Protein backbone atom coordinates (compact mmCIF):
# COMPACT_ATOMS: atom_id res chain seq x y z
CA MET A 1 0.35 -0.13 -0.03
CA LYS A 2 1.11 3.69 -0.54
CA LEU A 3 1.28 6.36 1.89
CA LYS A 4 1.18 9.55 1.15
CA PHE A 5 1.66 12.44 3.44
CA TRP A 6 2.77 16.54 3.89
CA ALA A 7 6.41 16.49 4.93
CA ALA A 8 6.31 17.99 8.03
CA ILE A 9 7.61 21.53 8.62
CA GLY A 10 10.63 20.67 10.81
CA LEU A 11 11.68 18.98 7.38
CA LEU A 12 12.04 22.26 5.50
CA THR A 13 14.94 23.96 6.61
CA ALA A 14 17.61 25.16 3.49
CA ALA A 15 19.49 22.49 4.08
CA THR A 16 16.62 20.28 2.89
CA LEU A 17 14.98 22.27 0.60
CA TYR A 18 17.79 23.59 -1.45
CA SER A 19 21.13 21.74 -0.69
CA CYS A 20 20.15 18.62 -1.74
CA ASP A 21 21.90 16.13 -3.65
CA ASP A 22 24.16 17.33 -5.95
CA GLU A 23 24.22 14.66 -8.55
CA THR A 24 20.43 14.60 -8.91
CA THR A 25 18.20 16.56 -11.43
CA GLY A 26 14.53 16.93 -11.34
CA ILE A 27 12.88 14.15 -13.26
CA GLY A 28 10.34 16.18 -14.59
CA GLN A 29 10.49 19.58 -16.62
CA PHE A 30 9.39 22.68 -14.87
CA VAL A 31 10.28 26.11 -13.95
CA ALA A 32 11.02 26.52 -9.76
CA ASP A 33 9.60 29.34 -8.21
CA GLU A 34 12.48 30.31 -6.01
CA ASP A 35 10.76 32.22 -3.06
CA PHE A 36 8.92 28.66 -2.17
CA ILE A 37 9.32 25.13 -2.65
CA LEU A 38 7.41 22.93 -0.94
CA ALA A 39 9.09 19.07 0.54
CA LYS A 40 6.65 15.81 0.86
CA SER A 41 6.96 12.49 1.13
CA ASP A 42 6.08 9.25 0.06
CA SER A 43 6.88 5.33 1.25
CA TYR A 44 6.53 2.35 -1.42
CA THR A 45 6.13 -1.27 -0.38
CA VAL A 46 8.93 -3.51 -2.31
CA SER A 47 8.82 -6.67 -2.82
CA THR A 48 11.88 -9.44 -2.11
CA GLU A 49 12.93 -12.96 -2.63
CA SER A 50 15.89 -15.07 -2.50
CA TYR A 51 17.55 -15.68 -5.58
CA LEU A 52 20.20 -18.93 -6.25
CA LEU A 53 23.62 -18.16 -7.18
CA ASP A 54 24.89 -21.85 -7.87
CA SER A 55 28.24 -19.55 -8.92
CA VAL A 56 29.88 -16.66 -8.37
CA TYR A 57 33.11 -14.78 -10.54
CA SER A 58 36.21 -14.98 -8.10
CA ARG A 59 39.65 -14.43 -9.08
CA SER A 60 40.52 -15.23 -5.16
CA ASN A 61 44.58 -15.85 -4.07
CA THR A 62 42.72 -17.84 -1.02
CA ALA A 63 41.80 -21.38 -1.82
CA TYR A 64 39.01 -23.06 0.12
CA LEU A 65 39.08 -26.46 1.54
CA GLY A 66 36.49 -28.64 3.35
CA LYS A 67 32.69 -29.86 3.69
CA PHE A 68 29.73 -28.76 6.07
CA THR A 69 26.61 -29.60 6.82
CA ASP A 70 24.36 -26.62 8.23
CA GLU A 71 20.85 -27.72 9.80
CA GLY A 72 19.43 -24.29 8.27
CA TYR A 73 21.31 -24.13 4.94
CA GLY A 74 22.39 -27.90 3.97
CA THR A 75 26.11 -29.27 2.82
CA PHE A 76 28.56 -26.76 1.56
CA THR A 77 31.49 -28.58 0.00
CA SER A 78 34.68 -26.57 -1.08
CA ASP A 79 38.16 -28.15 -3.52
CA PHE A 80 40.27 -25.95 -5.86
CA LEU A 81 42.74 -26.61 -8.59
CA VAL A 82 45.83 -24.96 -8.72
CA GLN A 83 49.33 -24.78 -10.75
CA ILE A 84 52.75 -23.99 -9.21
CA ASN A 85 54.51 -21.20 -10.71
CA CYS A 86 58.36 -21.77 -12.01
CA PRO A 87 60.01 -18.40 -11.40
CA GLU A 88 62.35 -17.90 -14.99
CA ASN A 89 65.52 -20.06 -15.55
CA PHE A 90 65.00 -22.24 -12.39
CA GLN A 91 67.74 -24.01 -10.72
CA LEU A 92 68.18 -27.01 -8.54
CA PRO A 93 71.26 -27.75 -6.83
CA ASP A 94 74.35 -28.53 -9.02
CA ARG A 95 75.60 -31.84 -8.71
CA LEU A 96 71.72 -33.30 -8.11
CA GLN A 97 71.78 -36.97 -6.68
CA SER A 98 68.22 -37.06 -6.45
CA ILE A 99 64.72 -35.33 -5.23
CA ASP A 100 64.23 -37.48 -1.56
CA GLU A 101 60.65 -36.25 -1.01
CA ALA A 102 58.44 -33.88 -2.57
CA THR A 103 55.08 -32.33 -0.04
CA LEU A 104 52.19 -30.48 -1.20
CA GLY A 105 51.53 -27.66 1.83
CA LEU A 106 48.68 -26.20 1.74
CA TYR A 107 49.13 -23.52 4.59
CA TYR A 108 45.63 -21.60 6.38
CA THR A 109 44.91 -18.52 8.58
CA SER A 110 41.41 -19.31 9.78
CA TYR A 111 39.01 -22.38 9.59
CA PHE A 112 35.12 -22.37 9.73
CA GLY A 113 33.36 -25.35 11.75
CA ASP A 114 34.89 -27.91 13.92
CA SER A 115 38.70 -27.96 14.45
CA LEU A 116 38.75 -31.45 15.52
CA ALA A 117 36.42 -33.01 12.56
CA THR A 118 38.69 -35.51 10.04
CA LEU A 119 38.39 -35.29 6.76
CA ARG A 120 40.55 -37.00 4.24
CA VAL A 121 42.03 -34.75 1.19
CA GLN A 122 42.65 -36.28 -1.84
CA VAL A 123 45.15 -34.62 -4.64
CA ASP A 124 45.28 -35.61 -8.22
CA THR A 125 47.36 -34.13 -10.89
CA LEU A 126 45.98 -32.61 -13.73
CA THR A 127 46.13 -34.45 -16.95
CA THR A 128 45.23 -30.69 -19.50
CA ALA A 129 46.74 -27.60 -18.83
CA ILE A 130 44.77 -24.76 -18.18
CA GLN A 131 45.57 -21.61 -20.18
CA ASP A 132 44.86 -19.03 -18.17
CA ASN A 133 45.03 -16.17 -20.18
CA GLY A 134 42.69 -13.72 -18.74
CA LEU A 135 40.38 -14.18 -21.71
CA ASP A 136 37.89 -17.22 -20.58
CA LYS A 137 36.10 -15.36 -18.28
CA ASN A 138 33.99 -18.79 -17.31
CA LEU A 139 37.58 -20.52 -16.13
CA TYR A 140 36.97 -18.04 -12.99
CA TYR A 141 33.29 -19.07 -11.70
CA THR A 142 33.02 -21.40 -9.03
CA ASN A 143 31.08 -24.28 -10.39
CA LEU A 144 34.54 -24.53 -12.70
CA ASP A 145 33.94 -28.54 -13.39
CA PRO A 146 37.13 -30.09 -12.91
CA THR A 147 37.17 -33.03 -14.52
CA ARG A 148 37.36 -31.08 -18.09
CA PHE A 149 41.09 -30.94 -16.57
CA TYR A 150 41.84 -34.25 -14.80
CA ASN A 151 41.04 -37.87 -15.02
CA PRO A 152 38.65 -38.95 -12.21
CA GLN A 153 39.74 -42.77 -13.12
CA SER A 154 42.77 -42.34 -12.80
CA LEU A 155 44.45 -42.90 -9.21
CA PRO A 156 45.31 -40.22 -6.70
CA LEU A 157 48.63 -38.92 -6.49
CA ALA A 158 48.26 -38.50 -2.90
CA THR A 159 45.95 -38.79 0.12
CA LYS A 160 45.94 -37.94 3.78
CA ASP A 161 43.39 -37.04 6.31
CA TYR A 162 43.62 -34.75 8.79
CA THR A 163 41.63 -32.19 11.56
CA ALA A 164 41.52 -28.30 11.00
CA TYR A 165 43.50 -28.19 14.58
CA ASP A 166 46.53 -30.40 13.95
CA LYS A 167 46.41 -32.59 16.91
CA THR A 168 50.03 -33.56 16.29
CA VAL A 169 51.56 -30.08 17.23
CA SER A 170 52.08 -29.61 20.93
CA ASP A 171 50.20 -26.65 22.61
CA SER A 172 53.13 -24.64 22.86
CA LEU A 173 54.34 -24.40 19.65
CA TYR A 174 50.83 -23.85 18.19
CA ASN A 175 50.55 -20.86 20.51
CA THR A 176 53.39 -19.25 19.01
CA SER A 177 53.76 -16.14 16.40
CA ASP A 178 56.46 -18.55 13.95
CA TYR A 179 53.62 -21.66 13.91
CA TYR A 180 52.01 -21.46 10.37
CA PRO A 181 48.83 -24.00 10.78
CA HIS A 182 49.06 -26.32 7.62
CA VAL A 183 48.60 -29.77 5.63
CA SER A 184 51.08 -31.07 4.40
CA ILE A 185 51.25 -34.43 1.80
CA ASP A 186 53.63 -36.29 0.80
CA LEU A 187 53.03 -36.86 -2.84
CA GLY A 188 55.71 -40.11 -3.18
CA LYS A 189 58.49 -41.35 -4.69
CA ALA A 190 56.99 -41.68 -8.19
CA PHE A 191 56.13 -38.15 -8.35
CA CYS A 192 59.87 -37.28 -7.06
CA ASP A 193 61.39 -39.70 -9.34
CA ASN A 194 59.43 -38.14 -12.36
CA PHE A 195 60.23 -34.74 -11.36
CA LYS A 196 63.79 -35.24 -11.72
CA SER A 197 63.96 -36.82 -15.05
CA LYS A 198 62.37 -33.90 -16.21
CA TYR A 199 64.95 -31.71 -14.75
CA ASP A 200 67.91 -33.72 -15.73
CA TYR A 201 66.65 -33.18 -19.81
CA SER A 202 69.10 -30.62 -20.75
CA VAL A 203 71.13 -28.65 -23.76
CA GLU A 204 73.35 -26.95 -24.35
CA GLU A 205 73.09 -22.54 -25.05
CA ASN A 206 75.93 -20.64 -25.59
CA GLY A 207 78.25 -23.02 -23.88
CA VAL A 208 75.81 -23.11 -20.42
CA THR A 209 73.63 -26.15 -19.27
CA VAL A 210 70.02 -24.97 -19.88
CA HIS A 211 66.91 -26.93 -18.42
CA PRO A 212 64.60 -26.48 -21.24
CA TYR A 213 61.31 -27.35 -19.25
CA PHE A 214 62.22 -24.87 -16.44
CA LYS A 215 62.35 -21.92 -18.24
CA ASP A 216 59.78 -20.34 -17.07
CA ALA A 217 56.57 -21.09 -15.64
CA GLU A 218 54.21 -21.78 -19.28
CA SER A 219 57.29 -24.37 -19.91
CA PHE A 220 56.73 -26.20 -16.93
CA ILE A 221 53.18 -26.32 -16.48
CA ASN A 222 53.18 -27.85 -20.53
CA ASN A 223 55.83 -30.58 -19.66
CA VAL A 224 56.36 -31.11 -15.94
CA LEU A 225 53.27 -30.59 -13.81
CA LYS A 226 50.38 -29.32 -15.31
CA GLY A 227 48.65 -28.50 -11.91
CA PHE A 228 46.75 -30.26 -8.88
CA TYR A 229 43.47 -30.70 -8.20
CA VAL A 230 42.75 -31.04 -4.64
CA HIS A 231 39.29 -31.86 -2.81
CA VAL A 232 37.69 -33.77 0.21
CA THR A 233 36.60 -37.75 -0.38
CA ASN A 234 35.93 -38.72 2.90
CA GLY A 235 34.93 -36.60 6.46
CA GLU A 236 32.82 -33.69 6.75
CA GLY A 237 32.54 -30.58 9.67
CA SER A 238 35.42 -27.71 8.42
CA VAL A 239 36.16 -25.20 5.82
CA LEU A 240 39.60 -24.34 5.21
CA TYR A 241 41.10 -20.60 4.61
CA ILE A 242 44.02 -21.68 2.59
CA SER A 243 46.41 -18.54 1.87
CA ASP A 244 49.28 -19.84 0.57
CA ILE A 245 50.21 -23.06 -1.56
CA TYR A 246 53.91 -24.30 -1.74
CA LEU A 247 55.26 -27.50 -3.07
CA HIS A 248 57.97 -28.34 -1.26
CA LEU A 249 61.62 -30.49 -2.76
CA THR A 250 63.90 -31.96 -0.63
CA VAL A 251 66.85 -32.88 -2.69
CA SER A 252 70.72 -34.27 -2.14
CA TYR A 253 73.05 -32.55 -3.89
CA LEU A 254 77.11 -33.31 -3.58
CA GLY A 255 79.56 -30.29 -2.72
CA ARG A 256 82.85 -29.76 -1.15
CA ASN A 257 83.22 -30.07 2.73
CA SER A 258 84.23 -27.25 4.42
CA ALA A 259 88.33 -28.43 4.43
CA ASP A 260 87.65 -28.39 0.42
CA THR A 261 88.91 -31.60 0.24
CA ALA A 262 86.32 -33.93 -0.70
CA ASP A 263 82.82 -34.26 -2.07
CA SER A 264 80.14 -34.56 0.63
CA LEU A 265 76.37 -35.65 -0.04
CA TYR A 266 73.66 -32.58 1.43
CA THR A 267 70.43 -32.20 1.82
CA GLY A 268 68.15 -29.42 0.83
CA VAL A 269 64.68 -28.07 0.95
CA VAL A 270 64.13 -26.36 -2.34
CA PRO A 271 60.39 -24.30 -2.56
CA MET A 272 58.10 -23.89 -5.31
CA THR A 273 54.56 -21.73 -4.78
CA ALA A 274 51.80 -21.17 -6.34
CA THR A 275 51.52 -17.70 -6.84
CA LYS A 276 48.98 -14.87 -8.88
CA GLU A 277 50.58 -15.75 -12.05
CA VAL A 278 49.63 -18.90 -12.41
CA PHE A 279 45.96 -20.15 -11.93
CA MET A 280 44.14 -21.17 -9.39
CA SER A 281 40.73 -21.22 -8.43
CA THR A 282 38.17 -22.46 -6.28
CA ARG A 283 34.42 -24.69 -7.02
CA PHE A 284 32.17 -24.35 -4.37
CA GLN A 285 28.57 -26.72 -4.19
CA ASN A 286 25.46 -26.31 -2.25
CA SER A 287 22.69 -28.74 -1.86
CA GLY A 288 19.94 -27.61 0.17
CA LEU A 289 19.17 -24.64 -0.58
CA GLN A 290 16.04 -24.56 -3.29
CA ASN A 291 13.41 -24.58 -0.06
CA LEU A 292 14.78 -21.54 1.29
CA VAL A 293 14.65 -19.63 -2.41
CA GLU A 294 11.01 -20.82 -2.12
CA ASP A 295 10.54 -19.45 1.25
CA PRO A 296 7.91 -16.53 0.53
CA THR A 297 7.82 -15.08 4.27
CA ARG A 298 11.74 -13.77 4.09
CA THR A 299 14.92 -14.07 2.26
CA TYR A 300 18.32 -15.10 2.95
CA LEU A 301 22.12 -14.05 2.25
CA LYS A 302 24.29 -17.08 2.18
CA THR A 303 28.16 -16.96 1.08
CA PRO A 304 30.17 -18.33 -0.85
CA ALA A 305 28.30 -18.93 -4.11
CA GLY A 306 24.90 -19.36 -2.38
CA LEU A 307 21.39 -16.96 -2.09
CA CYS A 308 21.37 -13.41 -2.29
CA THR A 309 18.11 -11.55 -2.03
CA LYS A 310 16.41 -9.83 -5.32
CA VAL A 311 14.09 -6.84 -4.86
CA THR A 312 11.83 -5.87 -7.06
CA LEU A 313 11.55 -2.12 -6.74
CA PRO A 314 7.52 -0.22 -7.38
CA LEU A 315 9.26 1.64 -10.48
CA GLU A 316 6.50 1.66 -12.94
CA THR A 317 4.07 3.65 -9.99
CA ILE A 318 6.82 5.90 -8.91
CA TYR A 319 7.09 6.96 -12.32
CA GLU A 320 3.92 8.06 -12.82
CA ASP A 321 3.49 9.68 -9.36
CA HIS A 322 6.48 11.76 -9.60
CA LYS A 323 7.67 12.16 -13.30
CA SER A 324 6.79 15.94 -12.55
CA ASP A 325 9.02 16.30 -9.39
CA THR A 326 12.85 16.36 -8.39
CA LEU A 327 13.57 13.19 -6.03
CA ASN A 328 15.63 14.74 -3.09
CA SER A 329 15.90 11.40 -0.98
CA ILE A 330 15.87 7.29 -1.50
CA SER A 331 16.08 5.31 1.24
CA LEU A 332 16.09 1.83 1.77
CA SER A 333 16.85 -0.51 4.86
CA PHE A 334 16.66 -4.16 5.28
CA GLU A 335 16.62 -5.66 8.39
CA LYS A 336 18.27 -8.74 9.62
CA MET A 337 15.97 -11.58 11.98
CA ARG A 338 17.63 -13.36 14.23
CA ASP A 339 19.24 -16.55 14.04
CA GLN A 340 17.49 -19.52 15.27
CA SER A 341 19.91 -21.90 14.64
CA SER A 342 21.28 -24.37 17.52
CA SER A 343 24.39 -25.22 15.03
CA PRO A 344 27.52 -25.13 17.64
CA TYR A 345 29.25 -23.61 14.39
CA LYS A 346 27.20 -20.76 13.83
CA MET A 347 27.75 -19.08 10.41
CA GLY A 348 29.36 -15.55 10.59
CA THR A 349 26.89 -12.76 9.18
CA PRO A 350 27.83 -11.16 6.09
CA THR A 351 29.44 -7.41 6.83
CA THR A 352 29.12 -5.25 3.80
CA LEU A 353 26.02 -5.68 0.89
CA LEU A 354 26.49 -4.39 -2.53
CA MET A 355 23.26 -3.43 -4.16
CA ILE A 356 23.18 -3.36 -7.79
CA ARG A 357 20.88 -4.02 -10.82
CA ALA A 358 20.48 -7.11 -11.98
CA LYS A 359 21.43 -7.00 -15.71
CA ASP A 360 24.74 -4.80 -14.24
CA MET A 361 25.66 -8.48 -11.67
CA LYS A 362 27.75 -9.98 -14.54
CA SER A 363 29.81 -7.34 -16.08
CA PHE A 364 30.30 -5.50 -12.34
CA PHE A 365 32.25 -8.29 -11.03
CA GLU A 366 34.20 -9.05 -14.51
CA ASN A 367 34.95 -6.05 -15.18
CA ASN A 368 36.03 -5.39 -11.78
CA GLU A 369 34.25 -2.69 -11.18
CA VAL A 370 33.98 -0.44 -7.86
CA ASN A 371 30.67 1.13 -6.58
CA ASP A 372 29.22 4.45 -8.18
CA ASN A 373 26.87 5.21 -5.65
CA ARG A 374 24.95 5.50 -8.87
CA THR A 375 24.02 2.09 -10.70
CA SER A 376 25.69 0.17 -7.29
CA PHE A 377 25.69 1.13 -4.08
CA LEU A 378 27.64 -0.57 -0.65
CA SER A 379 26.31 -0.71 3.01
CA THR A 380 27.45 -2.20 5.67
CA TYR A 381 25.74 -3.88 8.65
CA SER A 382 25.17 -2.16 11.73
CA SER A 383 24.81 -4.24 14.78
CA THR A 384 23.09 -1.15 16.41
CA ASN A 385 20.23 -1.50 13.92
CA ASN A 386 20.38 -4.92 12.85
CA ALA A 387 19.89 -3.55 9.17
CA TYR A 388 21.85 -2.53 5.99
CA SER A 389 20.75 0.52 5.09
CA PHE A 390 20.89 2.32 1.59
CA SER A 391 20.49 6.21 0.70
CA GLN A 392 20.94 7.95 -2.10
CA LEU A 393 19.03 5.84 -4.28
CA ASN A 394 17.43 9.19 -5.71
CA ARG A 395 20.37 8.41 -8.59
CA LEU A 396 19.46 4.97 -9.51
CA ILE A 397 16.07 5.49 -9.81
CA ALA A 398 16.78 8.92 -11.96
CA ASN A 399 19.22 6.51 -13.85
CA ILE A 400 16.98 4.56 -14.31
CA PHE A 401 13.75 6.99 -15.72
CA SER A 402 15.94 8.23 -18.19
CA GLU A 403 16.96 4.93 -19.67
CA ILE A 404 12.58 4.87 -19.71
CA ARG A 405 11.30 7.27 -20.77
CA PRO A 406 12.09 7.31 -23.99
CA GLU A 407 10.02 3.84 -23.88
CA ILE A 408 6.90 4.91 -22.23
CA GLU A 409 6.60 7.99 -24.60
CA LYS A 410 6.60 5.89 -27.72
CA GLY A 411 2.93 4.54 -26.43
CA GLU A 412 1.35 1.24 -24.43
CA THR A 413 2.06 -1.26 -26.79
CA GLU A 414 5.74 -0.77 -27.42
CA TRP A 415 6.14 -0.09 -23.26
CA GLU A 416 4.80 -3.45 -22.47
CA GLN A 417 6.77 -5.30 -25.22
CA TRP A 418 10.09 -3.45 -23.96
CA LYS A 419 9.21 -4.71 -20.67
CA ALA A 420 8.85 -8.29 -21.91
CA ASP A 421 12.19 -7.97 -23.41
CA ASN A 422 13.82 -6.03 -20.29
CA PRO A 423 12.20 -8.58 -17.37
CA ASP A 424 15.00 -7.54 -14.80
CA TRP A 425 14.65 -3.57 -15.66
CA ASP A 426 12.94 -2.65 -12.62
CA LYS A 427 15.06 -5.52 -10.11
CA VAL A 428 18.29 -5.08 -8.35
CA LEU A 429 20.17 -7.85 -6.10
CA LEU A 430 21.80 -7.36 -2.78
CA ILE A 431 24.94 -9.55 -2.90
CA PRO A 432 27.56 -10.17 0.07
CA VAL A 433 30.67 -8.48 -1.23
CA SER A 434 34.37 -8.06 0.96
CA THR A 435 35.94 -4.37 -0.28
CA GLU A 436 39.55 -3.06 -0.33
CA THR A 437 40.18 -0.34 0.44
CA ASP A 438 43.57 2.54 -0.16
CA ALA A 439 45.58 4.18 2.79
CA ASN A 440 42.63 6.90 2.73
CA SER A 441 39.68 4.52 3.10
CA ASN A 442 38.10 4.85 -0.37
CA VAL A 443 37.34 1.41 -2.09
CA ILE A 444 39.66 -0.12 -4.74
CA GLY A 445 38.04 -3.40 -5.31
CA VAL A 446 34.46 -5.13 -4.66
CA ASP A 447 34.89 -8.75 -4.96
CA ASN A 448 31.83 -11.45 -4.51
CA ASP A 449 32.44 -12.81 -0.06
CA LEU A 450 33.94 -16.03 -0.02
CA SER A 451 33.84 -16.40 3.64
CA VAL A 452 31.40 -18.86 5.59
CA ASN A 453 28.20 -16.21 6.27
CA SER A 454 24.61 -16.46 6.77
CA ALA A 455 21.83 -14.05 7.12
CA MET A 456 17.47 -14.41 6.93
CA LEU A 457 16.03 -10.76 6.09
CA ILE A 458 13.07 -9.51 6.45
CA GLY A 459 10.71 -9.23 3.73
CA GLY A 460 9.70 -12.03 1.02
CA LYS A 461 7.13 -12.35 -1.63
CA ASP A 462 3.64 -12.93 0.51
CA LEU A 463 2.80 -9.83 0.74
CA ASN A 464 -0.70 -9.10 0.80
CA GLU A 465 -3.09 -6.34 2.62
CA SER A 466 -2.72 -8.49 5.92
CA THR A 467 0.62 -8.67 6.39
CA ASP A 468 2.13 -6.53 9.65
CA GLU A 469 3.46 -3.02 8.61
CA ASP A 470 6.92 -4.58 10.30
CA GLN A 471 7.07 -7.50 8.56
CA LYS A 472 7.18 -4.95 5.09
CA ILE A 473 10.40 -3.21 3.43
CA GLN A 474 9.29 0.51 2.26
CA MET A 475 11.25 2.40 0.00
CA ASN A 476 10.74 6.43 1.88
CA ILE A 477 11.38 9.09 -0.98
CA ILE A 478 11.63 12.67 -0.45
CA TYR A 479 10.60 14.78 -3.34
CA THR A 480 9.81 18.62 -4.03
CA GLN A 481 7.31 20.48 -6.07
CA PRO A 482 8.47 23.84 -7.04
CA GLN A 483 5.50 26.25 -7.44
CA GLN A 484 4.48 27.19 -11.39
CA LYS A 485 5.23 30.57 -12.61
């Protein structure tokens, strides 16, 4: 129901009347009487629904590994594909005798879930090199099918059981700043021997011995190691947030002793790492979310790659009511409902929401855009108000009205056809995101939130005359109607 009322006289201050948003223009065409401008207020109910995000765009440097089941949000799993970088003209020690051990180290800063839950990780080698030249955007979506790059029928390279809290590490070491929690996976003797055989291949160039398979990352990936697929095959209860991935090679080589009188056998560790110069992508899978999408009494947020909220704005009605007015201020607030889960491992609350037109979501993330406060907006969760609040939406509405005015003026038939061709013209999405800021707190990066978070919001599709007002989401508008001369 739309409510209309005269603004209180207290609103009619000079600041309200004459210092409105300097980027907002009147959507109507009029000549203002500078002696008096009358401010009014309107309120419109908006409709919301949960929207399934089965995949999101991500170029994160963090990998995620694990499996977790929540009573309300179902089962979530994460696994990843990763390549190992080879610096230019990589060298192992001279007079190399053997590669004795190779371990894949997964180093994590934090985790979600049960620290003592036992999971089994499996490592498979990729059979197809991933060509990461930045042109194929589909490589960066979180539903990337790993079977495109490895053979699931082949024997695994390695497996290992682990817990998020390593019980084999003493508390005294675990609590020191020098300890970096990790899962270390032995890749086996066959991997070591194959690696060495690739390194042993050498050629002479201008009198210098060169190892052509190790001259750069591309040669290494195509000829030595195409990469790994790392995934959980048994157990559940935790998700690791992996910040660094290392391939550690323990090598034996000959060197002169300290007296330089005889050869001695030395042992050393040579690290290779996954870096931003090579490919890494996490796959996320959620099951059990469809029933939440169909819930008409509220909406949901679930990350990563789970649920966001779609908002249908009553723009056609607002246009008819205010096409000759100036929209000074438009705001929306989305209240969070109390989490009633009894799980001992409760998800966090999404910190920041991006409001963006549904039709612009794909290009926004793929083009690494940031919010412009015209077509995209950010809101941080307020624990004081228990809500996400958006203001200055008059800029968004003015932008949309400029888009639809020519279509409306063509006539009713053309307008109805345009709406049918553009079904999301009046819809925005609320997407949980993480942000990056510079030294002056300016937002310089906006990415999909990949932490395990969730929230329920008041609203939903099942709104009617009998719905309590406090269960409705209201779009509040302040507008002015200058006196006509």
